[in-house]
């Protein structure tokens, strides 16, 4: 029987992330931060954090944003970016900021999985191709950091979300559903008649 999604409040603490397991469906509410290639490269290279990233959840996303007449920002699309691009940087950022979560698509590699185990971080898979649906879960833009330096898609956006849907696919116990699917696919391919 399928369990209903767990509602989690951000920021997460280590005990909350260590209680999660690969396959758990969740709904995230609270504050998270977007980050893509430029921000990862900058932060992993020792750049000063422009906002409070300790124990944060990073969303691999370059949101589409518009400025309202009031001056406030509004996110109109927020699809996940392919996370494997951030593999060279992610273990260092997990260690530096004690990140509690990463949201993206496609999973990450062994080095990130090892860092997740060591520091208490999980990887949440968001649905690709549902950028508008995911944007509907964003309730407020609190700020944007490094906008002038990197431009809108690569800036760090500080967002509030309510019931943001995701699934844990890499956990603190060393389980990666991405690696399991790859291994099973290889097994089935090798079993095909030649």
Protein backbone atom coordinates (compact mmCIF):
# COMPACT_ATOMS: atom_id res chain seq x y z
CA UNK A 1 0.00 0.00 0.00
CA UNK A 2 1.33 3.44 -0.94
CA UNK A 3 1.85 5.85 1.94
CA UNK A 4 0.67 9.44 1.59
CA UNK A 5 3.44 12.01 1.10
CA UNK A 6 5.11 13.24 4.27
CA UNK A 7 4.83 16.98 4.89
CA UNK A 8 8.24 18.39 5.79
CA UNK A 9 9.03 21.85 7.10
CA UNK A 10 12.17 23.61 5.84
CA UNK A 11 14.82 24.07 6.99
CA UNK A 12 15.33 20.41 7.82
CA UNK A 13 17.53 19.18 10.63
CA UNK A 14 19.80 16.16 10.41
CA UNK A 15 17.47 13.89 12.36
CA UNK A 16 14.70 14.58 9.82
CA UNK A 17 16.88 13.77 6.82
CA UNK A 18 18.24 10.59 8.42
CA UNK A 19 14.67 9.40 9.00
CA UNK A 20 13.93 9.58 5.25
CA UNK A 21 14.42 6.66 2.87
CA UNK A 22 14.72 6.38 -0.89
CA UNK A 23 11.24 6.08 -2.34
CA UNK A 24 9.57 8.36 0.23
CA UNK A 25 7.20 10.90 -1.32
CA UNK A 26 7.29 14.29 0.39
CA UNK A 27 5.74 17.74 0.27
CA UNK A 28 8.17 20.49 1.24
CA UNK A 29 7.11 23.78 2.84
CA UNK A 30 9.40 26.60 3.93
CA UNK A 31 12.45 28.35 2.49
CA UNK A 32 14.79 26.96 -0.16
CA UNK A 33 17.40 28.36 -2.54
CA UNK A 34 17.98 27.84 -6.25
CA UNK A 35 21.49 27.23 -7.56
CA UNK A 36 22.89 26.24 -10.93
CA UNK A 37 26.31 25.92 -12.54
CA UNK A 38 27.67 29.43 -11.91
CA UNK A 39 26.63 29.52 -8.25
CA UNK A 40 27.99 26.01 -7.60
CA UNK A 41 31.34 26.89 -9.21
CA UNK A 42 31.54 30.15 -7.26
CA UNK A 43 30.65 28.63 -3.87
CA UNK A 44 32.77 25.48 -4.30
CA UNK A 45 35.70 27.74 -5.20
CA UNK A 46 35.42 29.46 -1.82
CA UNK A 47 33.19 32.37 -2.79
CA UNK A 48 31.37 34.08 0.06
CA UNK A 49 27.82 32.85 0.56
CA UNK A 50 25.50 35.76 -0.22
CA UNK A 51 22.77 34.34 2.01
CA UNK A 52 22.33 31.87 4.88
CA UNK A 53 22.91 28.49 3.24
CA UNK A 54 23.72 26.49 6.39
CA UNK A 55 21.37 23.47 6.65
CA UNK A 56 19.61 24.66 3.49
CA UNK A 57 17.94 22.82 0.64
CA UNK A 58 19.32 23.74 -2.80
CA UNK A 59 17.04 23.48 -5.82
CA UNK A 60 18.86 22.88 -9.11
CA UNK A 61 16.73 25.32 -11.05
CA UNK A 62 16.97 28.43 -13.17
CA UNK A 63 13.50 29.84 -12.57
CA UNK A 64 11.63 32.02 -15.02
CA UNK A 65 10.79 35.19 -13.10
CA UNK A 66 8.87 38.37 -13.85
CA UNK A 67 8.89 41.67 -12.02
CA UNK A 68 5.48 42.89 -10.94
CA UNK A 69 4.56 46.60 -11.14
CA UNK A 70 4.99 46.67 -7.35
CA UNK A 71 8.63 45.66 -7.78
CA UNK A 72 8.08 42.19 -6.32
CA UNK A 73 9.37 39.15 -8.18
CA UNK A 74 7.06 36.30 -9.24
CA UNK A 75 8.18 32.86 -10.44
CA UNK A 76 6.22 31.67 -13.48
CA UNK A 77 8.15 28.46 -14.19
CA UNK A 78 10.50 26.43 -11.99
CA UNK A 79 11.56 23.20 -13.64
CA UNK A 80 14.46 21.20 -12.20
CA UNK A 81 17.83 21.28 -13.94
CA UNK A 82 19.75 18.05 -14.64
CA UNK A 83 21.69 17.59 -11.42
CA UNK A 84 24.60 15.54 -12.76
CA UNK A 85 26.14 18.77 -14.05
CA UNK A 86 26.74 19.79 -10.44
CA UNK A 87 28.45 16.54 -9.41
CA UNK A 88 31.97 18.09 -9.40
CA UNK A 89 30.83 20.68 -6.82
CA UNK A 90 28.13 19.02 -4.75
CA UNK A 91 30.18 17.02 -2.21
CA UNK A 92 32.18 20.14 -1.25
CA UNK A 93 29.01 22.23 -0.87
CA UNK A 94 27.28 19.56 1.22
CA UNK A 95 30.31 19.51 3.54
CA UNK A 96 30.77 23.30 3.66
CA UNK A 97 27.15 24.23 4.35
CA UNK A 98 25.88 20.96 5.89
CA UNK A 99 23.16 21.01 3.25
CA UNK A 100 20.12 18.96 4.18
CA UNK A 101 18.67 18.54 0.73
CA UNK A 102 19.17 18.85 -3.00
CA UNK A 103 16.24 19.07 -5.41
CA UNK A 104 16.79 18.29 -9.07
CA UNK A 105 16.25 15.71 -11.75
CA UNK A 106 18.22 12.70 -12.87
CA UNK A 107 20.11 12.00 -9.64
CA UNK A 108 23.77 12.42 -8.83
CA UNK A 109 26.89 10.27 -8.54
CA UNK A 110 28.74 8.22 -5.98
CA UNK A 111 30.69 11.13 -4.49
CA UNK A 112 27.48 13.03 -3.75
CA UNK A 113 25.87 9.89 -2.32
CA UNK A 114 28.86 9.43 0.00
CA UNK A 115 28.62 13.07 1.13
CA UNK A 116 24.88 12.61 1.75
CA UNK A 117 25.63 9.64 4.02
CA UNK A 118 28.38 11.43 5.90
CA UNK A 119 26.67 14.78 6.47
CA UNK A 120 22.96 13.91 6.53
CA UNK A 121 21.72 15.21 3.18
CA UNK A 122 19.11 13.72 0.82
CA UNK A 123 18.42 14.11 -2.87
CA UNK A 124 14.83 14.92 -3.84
CA UNK A 125 13.70 14.16 -7.38
CA UNK A 126 11.32 16.79 -8.77
CA UNK A 127 9.20 16.10 -11.83
CA UNK A 128 10.80 17.35 -15.02
CA UNK A 129 8.47 18.93 -17.55
CA UNK A 130 6.17 20.33 -14.85
CA UNK A 131 7.78 23.74 -14.44
CA UNK A 132 4.50 25.62 -14.16
CA UNK A 133 3.04 23.14 -11.66
CA UNK A 134 6.16 23.44 -9.50
CA UNK A 135 6.04 27.24 -9.77
CA UNK A 136 2.52 27.11 -8.33
CA UNK A 137 4.06 25.73 -5.11
CA UNK A 138 6.28 28.85 -4.79
CA UNK A 139 4.46 31.33 -2.58
CA UNK A 140 7.03 34.11 -2.26
CA UNK A 141 10.37 35.36 -3.53
CA UNK A 142 12.31 36.63 -0.51
CA UNK A 143 15.30 37.82 -2.47
CA UNK A 144 17.76 37.24 -5.25
CA UNK A 145 21.52 37.01 -4.76
CA UNK A 146 24.36 37.44 -7.28
CA UNK A 147 21.88 38.63 -9.92
CA UNK A 148 24.21 41.26 -11.35
CA UNK A 149 27.11 38.84 -11.43
CA UNK A 150 25.42 35.79 -12.96
CA UNK A 151 22.10 36.89 -14.49
CA UNK A 152 18.62 35.68 -13.61
CA UNK A 153 18.82 31.94 -14.45
CA UNK A 154 22.14 31.47 -12.61
CA UNK A 155 21.43 33.74 -9.63
CA UNK A 156 20.55 32.30 -6.22
CA UNK A 157 16.83 32.83 -5.66
CA UNK A 158 15.53 32.63 -2.10
CA UNK A 159 12.03 31.20 -2.23
CA UNK A 160 9.21 30.09 0.04
CA UNK A 161 7.38 26.97 -1.08
CA UNK A 162 4.19 25.33 0.14
CA UNK A 163 3.59 21.60 -0.40
CA UNK A 164 6.29 21.37 -3.07
CA UNK A 165 6.08 17.77 -4.40
CA UNK A 166 9.20 15.60 -4.55
CA UNK A 167 10.46 12.07 -3.97
CA UNK A 168 13.56 11.02 -2.03
CA UNK A 169 15.74 9.11 -4.50
CA UNK A 170 19.12 9.26 -2.70
CA UNK A 171 19.16 8.93 1.07
CA UNK A 172 21.54 9.09 4.02
CA UNK A 173 21.71 5.29 4.18
CA UNK A 174 23.64 4.89 0.93
CA UNK A 175 20.65 4.03 -1.26
CA UNK A 176 20.34 5.61 -4.69
CA UNK A 177 17.31 4.67 -6.76
CA UNK A 178 19.13 6.14 -9.78
CA UNK A 179 22.02 3.69 -9.34
CA UNK A 180 19.57 0.82 -8.75
CA UNK A 181 17.66 1.58 -11.97
CA UNK A 182 20.92 1.81 -13.92
CA UNK A 183 22.13 -1.53 -12.53
CA UNK A 184 18.80 -3.24 -13.29
CA UNK A 185 18.76 -1.78 -16.81
CA UNK A 186 22.26 -3.13 -17.44
CA UNK A 187 21.26 -6.54 -16.09
CA UNK A 188 18.25 -6.72 -18.39
CA UNK A 189 20.27 -5.52 -21.39
CA UNK A 190 22.90 -8.19 -20.80
CA UNK A 191 20.15 -10.85 -20.53
CA UNK A 192 18.77 -10.05 -24.00
CA UNK A 193 19.53 -12.64 -26.69
CA UNK A 194 22.31 -11.60 -29.05
